[in-house]
Amino acid sequence: MIVCHRHRFIFIKTRKTAGSSIEIALSRLCGPGDIVTRLSSERGEERLRQEEGGYGPTGDRKPVRAHRGFREWRRLLTQGQRARWRQHTTARTLRALLPRHVWDSYLKVTVERNPWDRALSRYWWMKGRREEQGQTDFPSVSEYLVWMEKNKPQWISNWAHYAIDDDLLVDRVLLYERLESDLAELAQTLRVDATQLQLPEQKAKGGFRKDTRSYRDVLGQSDRTLIERVCQPEIRAFGYQF
C-alpha cells in the first residue's frame, strides 16, 4: 500500500495481481513523508526494490487512532510500539483513517485480474509456501477452492479491497492483462516519465506456479462455478469471461 503526497496518489494493493511488482515501480515516485508498506525481506523483495530504484519502506507505523484489535493495542500500551500498516490495507480502512482532504483529492489506484486465473495463482502460491515448510499433502485445486470459499473468501475475490457493496472506492483499476499499457497511461496522468513505472524484470513473487497450463485447461466445471459465485462483482464490473 502506498500514499504518495508528492504525486497525490494512493495505491490499494490487491492479492495475486502483480501487486508487489507494481508497488516496487510506484515506490520510485515516493520519498520522506509518504507511506510505503514493507515487502518481504525473506523473499528478497526489499532487495529487489532497492535494486530497482524504489523507495521504502517508510511512514508505515500506524497513527494511534488507527490501531485495531487486542494485539495491536496490547503492544502499544505495554511496549509503546505502534503497529504497522498492512500491505493489503483496504480502501474502506484507508478512507476512514486518512485525513479527509487526502482521501478526497488524491488519485486512488488498484489492480485487478481475471478471477479464474487469479484463483489458480493463489493456489500455487499457497501450495509452494506449504511445500517450503515441509508439507507434502497439500489438497487439490478443487479441494482448496472449496476450503477458501468457506474459510477465506477474500483470498478468492479482491472486490472488498477496493469496493463496498457495488460501489468502487477507487478512481482507476489497472488490469493485469494489459498492465504495461495501463501503467503507461497512469504515468501520463501522474505526469511522470513512463520509464519510472516500468515493472521489474524479475517477478516479486514468481516461481511457484509449476503447472503453466491455462486456467481453462485446469479448472473443472465445479471450480469455474465456485469462482463465478464468489467473484460475481468483479466479473460483472470488468467484463471478465471464462
Protein backbone atom coordinates (compact mmCIF):
# COMPACT_ATOMS: atom_id res chain seq x y z
CA MET A 1 0.00 0.00 0.00
CA ILE A 2 1.27 3.46 -0.85
CA VAL A 3 0.19 7.02 -0.05
CA CYS A 4 2.35 9.38 -2.14
CA HIS A 5 1.93 13.05 -1.25
CA ARG A 6 4.24 14.49 -3.91
CA HIS A 7 2.27 12.93 -6.76
CA ARG A 8 -1.01 12.77 -4.87
CA PHE A 9 -1.98 9.15 -5.34
CA ILE A 10 -2.97 6.18 -3.18
CA PHE A 11 -2.24 2.60 -4.24
CA ILE A 12 -4.52 -0.12 -2.86
CA LYS A 13 -2.66 -3.42 -3.15
CA THR A 14 -4.73 -6.48 -4.08
CA ARG A 15 -3.78 -10.15 -3.90
CA LYS A 16 -2.21 -12.17 -6.75
CA THR A 17 -2.28 -9.29 -9.24
CA ALA A 18 1.46 -8.47 -9.50
CA GLY A 19 0.83 -6.10 -6.59
CA SER A 20 4.36 -6.29 -5.17
CA SER A 21 5.92 -5.60 -8.57
CA ILE A 22 3.59 -2.64 -9.06
CA GLU A 23 4.39 -1.36 -5.57
CA ILE A 24 8.10 -1.52 -6.37
CA ALA A 25 7.50 0.53 -9.54
CA LEU A 26 5.26 3.11 -7.85
CA SER A 27 7.62 3.47 -4.89
CA ARG A 28 10.16 5.06 -7.26
CA LEU A 29 7.92 8.14 -7.05
CA CYS A 30 7.95 8.23 -3.23
CA GLY A 31 10.12 9.86 -0.61
CA PRO A 32 10.23 11.02 3.01
CA GLY A 33 6.82 11.76 4.47
CA ASP A 34 4.99 9.23 2.30
CA ILE A 35 3.54 5.88 3.39
CA VAL A 36 5.10 2.81 1.75
CA THR A 37 4.42 -0.57 3.35
CA ARG A 38 7.05 -3.26 3.80
CA LEU A 39 7.65 -6.04 1.32
CA SER A 40 9.12 -9.41 2.23
CA SER A 41 12.82 -9.28 3.12
CA GLU A 42 12.85 -13.05 3.49
CA ARG A 43 11.93 -13.49 -0.19
CA GLY A 44 14.26 -10.75 -1.37
CA GLU A 45 11.50 -8.30 -2.31
CA GLU A 46 13.02 -5.35 -0.44
CA ARG A 47 16.39 -6.11 -2.02
CA LEU A 48 14.69 -6.15 -5.43
CA ARG A 49 13.04 -2.81 -4.66
CA GLN A 50 16.39 -1.28 -3.77
CA GLU A 51 17.96 -2.64 -6.96
CA GLU A 52 15.06 -1.20 -8.98
CA GLY A 53 15.44 2.28 -7.51
CA GLY A 54 12.34 2.10 -5.35
CA TYR A 55 11.86 3.94 -2.07
CA GLY A 56 10.73 2.37 1.15
CA PRO A 57 9.51 1.17 3.44
CA THR A 58 8.67 4.46 5.10
CA GLY A 59 5.96 6.03 7.24
CA ASP A 60 4.39 2.62 7.77
CA ARG A 61 3.73 2.96 11.51
CA LYS A 62 0.03 3.43 12.18
CA PRO A 63 -1.21 6.53 13.98
CA VAL A 64 -2.58 5.70 17.43
CA ARG A 65 -6.20 6.13 16.32
CA ALA A 66 -5.70 3.54 13.58
CA HIS A 67 -4.89 0.69 15.96
CA ARG A 68 -7.32 -2.21 15.91
CA GLY A 69 -7.62 -5.44 17.87
CA PHE A 70 -6.25 -6.71 21.17
CA ARG A 71 -2.73 -7.50 19.93
CA GLU A 72 -2.10 -4.07 18.43
CA TRP A 73 -3.40 -2.24 21.49
CA ARG A 74 -1.51 -4.50 23.93
CA ARG A 75 1.77 -3.94 22.09
CA LEU A 76 1.15 -0.20 22.02
CA LEU A 77 0.20 0.08 25.69
CA THR A 78 2.75 -2.32 27.15
CA GLN A 79 5.72 -1.75 24.84
CA GLY A 80 4.98 1.63 23.30
CA GLN A 81 5.33 0.03 19.87
CA ARG A 82 2.96 1.18 17.14
CA ALA A 83 1.61 -1.36 14.69
CA ARG A 84 2.46 -1.16 11.01
CA TRP A 85 0.12 -0.64 8.09
CA ARG A 86 -0.52 -3.93 6.29
CA GLN A 87 0.40 -4.43 2.65
CA HIS A 88 -3.22 -5.21 1.78
CA THR A 89 -4.92 -2.46 3.78
CA THR A 90 -8.34 -1.96 2.22
CA ALA A 91 -9.73 1.19 0.68
CA ARG A 92 -12.50 1.16 3.29
CA THR A 93 -9.93 1.27 6.11
CA LEU A 94 -7.83 3.98 4.47
CA ARG A 95 -10.86 6.15 3.76
CA ALA A 96 -11.76 6.02 7.46
CA LEU A 97 -8.27 6.78 8.76
CA LEU A 98 -6.55 9.12 6.31
CA PRO A 99 -7.26 12.85 6.51
CA ARG A 100 -10.43 13.59 4.56
CA HIS A 101 -8.77 16.05 2.18
CA VAL A 102 -6.13 13.43 1.28
CA TRP A 103 -8.66 10.71 0.51
CA ASP A 104 -10.97 13.01 -1.43
CA SER A 105 -8.34 14.74 -3.56
CA TYR A 106 -5.76 12.02 -4.29
CA LEU A 107 -5.99 9.62 -7.25
CA LYS A 108 -6.87 6.19 -5.85
CA VAL A 109 -5.49 3.26 -7.87
CA THR A 110 -5.74 -0.52 -7.61
CA VAL A 111 -5.24 -3.54 -9.88
CA GLU A 112 -7.46 -6.48 -10.81
CA ARG A 113 -7.01 -9.78 -12.67
CA ASN A 114 -9.12 -12.43 -14.37
CA PRO A 115 -10.62 -14.18 -11.31
CA TRP A 116 -10.17 -17.73 -12.61
CA ASP A 117 -6.52 -17.13 -13.42
CA ARG A 118 -6.04 -15.28 -10.13
CA ALA A 119 -7.56 -18.11 -8.07
CA LEU A 120 -5.26 -20.64 -9.69
CA SER A 121 -2.29 -18.36 -9.00
CA ARG A 122 -3.37 -18.19 -5.36
CA TYR A 123 -3.49 -21.97 -5.19
CA TRP A 124 0.06 -22.36 -6.49
CA TRP A 125 1.33 -19.60 -4.20
CA MET A 126 -0.07 -21.31 -1.10
CA LYS A 127 0.99 -24.79 -2.24
CA GLY A 128 4.54 -23.57 -2.83
CA ARG A 129 4.74 -21.88 0.57
CA ARG A 130 3.48 -25.00 2.35
CA GLU A 131 5.93 -27.21 0.48
CA GLU A 132 8.75 -24.91 1.61
CA GLN A 133 7.61 -25.66 5.15
CA GLY A 134 7.71 -29.42 4.52
CA GLN A 135 4.03 -30.10 3.84
CA THR A 136 3.69 -32.82 1.20
CA ASP A 137 -0.05 -33.49 1.27
CA PHE A 138 -1.43 -30.17 0.04
CA PRO A 139 -5.01 -30.52 -1.25
CA SER A 140 -6.02 -30.48 -4.90
CA VAL A 141 -7.11 -27.30 -6.65
CA SER A 142 -10.79 -28.19 -6.27
CA GLU A 143 -10.44 -29.08 -2.60
CA TYR A 144 -8.57 -25.89 -1.82
CA LEU A 145 -11.10 -23.72 -3.65
CA VAL A 146 -13.89 -25.24 -1.56
CA TRP A 147 -11.89 -24.58 1.62
CA MET A 148 -11.19 -20.96 0.63
CA GLU A 149 -14.83 -20.23 -0.19
CA LYS A 150 -15.83 -21.48 3.25
CA ASN A 151 -12.99 -20.03 5.32
CA LYS A 152 -11.17 -17.30 3.35
CA PRO A 153 -13.36 -15.98 0.51
CA GLN A 154 -11.24 -12.79 0.48
CA TRP A 155 -8.41 -14.97 -0.87
CA ILE A 156 -10.52 -15.67 -3.96
CA SER A 157 -12.07 -12.24 -4.51
CA ASN A 158 -10.33 -8.86 -4.27
CA TRP A 159 -13.58 -6.87 -4.51
CA ALA A 160 -13.74 -5.91 -0.83
CA HIS A 161 -10.22 -4.46 -1.07
CA TYR A 162 -11.40 -1.56 -3.20
CA ALA A 163 -15.21 -1.52 -3.10
CA ILE A 164 -18.16 -1.54 -0.71
CA ASP A 165 -21.18 -3.47 -1.98
CA ASP A 166 -21.48 -2.29 -5.61
CA ASP A 167 -19.60 0.99 -5.16
CA LEU A 168 -15.98 1.37 -6.22
CA LEU A 169 -13.90 3.41 -3.76
CA VAL A 170 -11.05 3.90 -6.24
CA ASP A 171 -10.70 6.12 -9.28
CA ARG A 172 -8.73 3.79 -11.52
CA VAL A 173 -8.45 0.00 -11.80
CA LEU A 174 -5.41 -1.28 -13.65
CA LEU A 175 -5.98 -4.62 -15.36
CA TYR A 176 -3.36 -7.34 -15.02
CA GLU A 177 -3.95 -8.46 -18.61
CA ARG A 178 -2.86 -5.08 -20.02
CA LEU A 179 -0.67 -3.93 -17.18
CA GLU A 180 2.15 -2.32 -19.15
CA SER A 181 -0.18 -0.10 -21.19
CA ASP A 182 -2.27 0.79 -18.13
CA LEU A 183 0.87 1.78 -16.21
CA ALA A 184 1.98 3.90 -19.17
CA GLU A 185 -1.38 5.70 -19.07
CA LEU A 186 -1.05 6.13 -15.31
CA ALA A 187 2.39 7.69 -15.83
CA GLN A 188 0.79 10.24 -18.16
CA THR A 189 -1.88 11.02 -15.56
CA LEU A 190 0.74 11.50 -12.84
CA ARG A 191 2.93 13.49 -15.25
CA VAL A 192 6.00 11.31 -14.80
CA ASP A 193 8.21 9.55 -17.32
CA ALA A 194 6.79 6.13 -18.27
CA THR A 195 10.16 4.51 -17.53
CA GLN A 196 9.64 5.30 -13.85
CA LEU A 197 6.68 2.93 -13.76
CA GLN A 198 8.25 0.04 -15.65
CA LEU A 199 7.82 -3.27 -13.84
CA PRO A 200 10.88 -5.13 -12.58
CA GLU A 201 12.07 -7.83 -14.98
CA GLN A 202 12.19 -10.23 -12.04
CA LYS A 203 8.74 -11.02 -10.67
CA ALA A 204 8.50 -10.19 -6.98
CA LYS A 205 6.65 -13.42 -6.17
CA GLY A 206 7.43 -15.61 -9.17
CA GLY A 207 8.48 -19.23 -9.41
CA PHE A 208 5.67 -21.00 -7.56
CA ARG A 209 3.36 -21.95 -10.43
CA LYS A 210 4.70 -25.31 -11.63
CA ASP A 211 1.82 -26.05 -14.00
CA THR A 212 1.85 -23.34 -16.66
CA ARG A 213 -1.27 -24.51 -18.47
CA SER A 214 -4.11 -22.02 -18.90
CA TYR A 215 -6.73 -21.96 -16.16
CA ARG A 216 -9.20 -23.14 -18.83
CA ASP A 217 -7.29 -26.43 -19.06
CA VAL A 218 -7.04 -26.91 -15.30
CA LEU A 219 -10.30 -25.77 -13.68
CA GLY A 220 -13.30 -28.08 -13.89
CA GLN A 221 -16.93 -27.01 -14.12
CA SER A 222 -17.41 -27.00 -10.34
CA ASP A 223 -14.25 -24.87 -9.93
CA ARG A 224 -15.45 -22.44 -12.58
CA THR A 225 -18.88 -22.13 -10.98
CA LEU A 226 -17.45 -21.60 -7.48
CA ILE A 227 -15.21 -18.77 -8.66
CA GLU A 228 -18.07 -17.20 -10.61
CA ARG A 229 -20.17 -17.27 -7.46
CA VAL A 230 -17.55 -15.67 -5.20
CA CYS A 231 -16.26 -13.18 -7.79
CA GLN A 232 -19.52 -12.08 -9.37
CA PRO A 233 -18.98 -8.35 -8.58
CA GLU A 234 -15.65 -8.04 -10.41
CA ILE A 235 -16.78 -10.30 -13.24
CA ARG A 236 -19.75 -8.01 -13.77
CA ALA A 237 -17.77 -4.78 -13.30
CA PHE A 238 -14.88 -5.59 -15.66
CA GLY A 239 -16.49 -7.96 -18.12
CA TYR A 240 -14.30 -10.96 -17.40
CA GLN A 241 -15.25 -14.21 -19.13
CA PHE A 242 -14.05 -17.74 -18.63
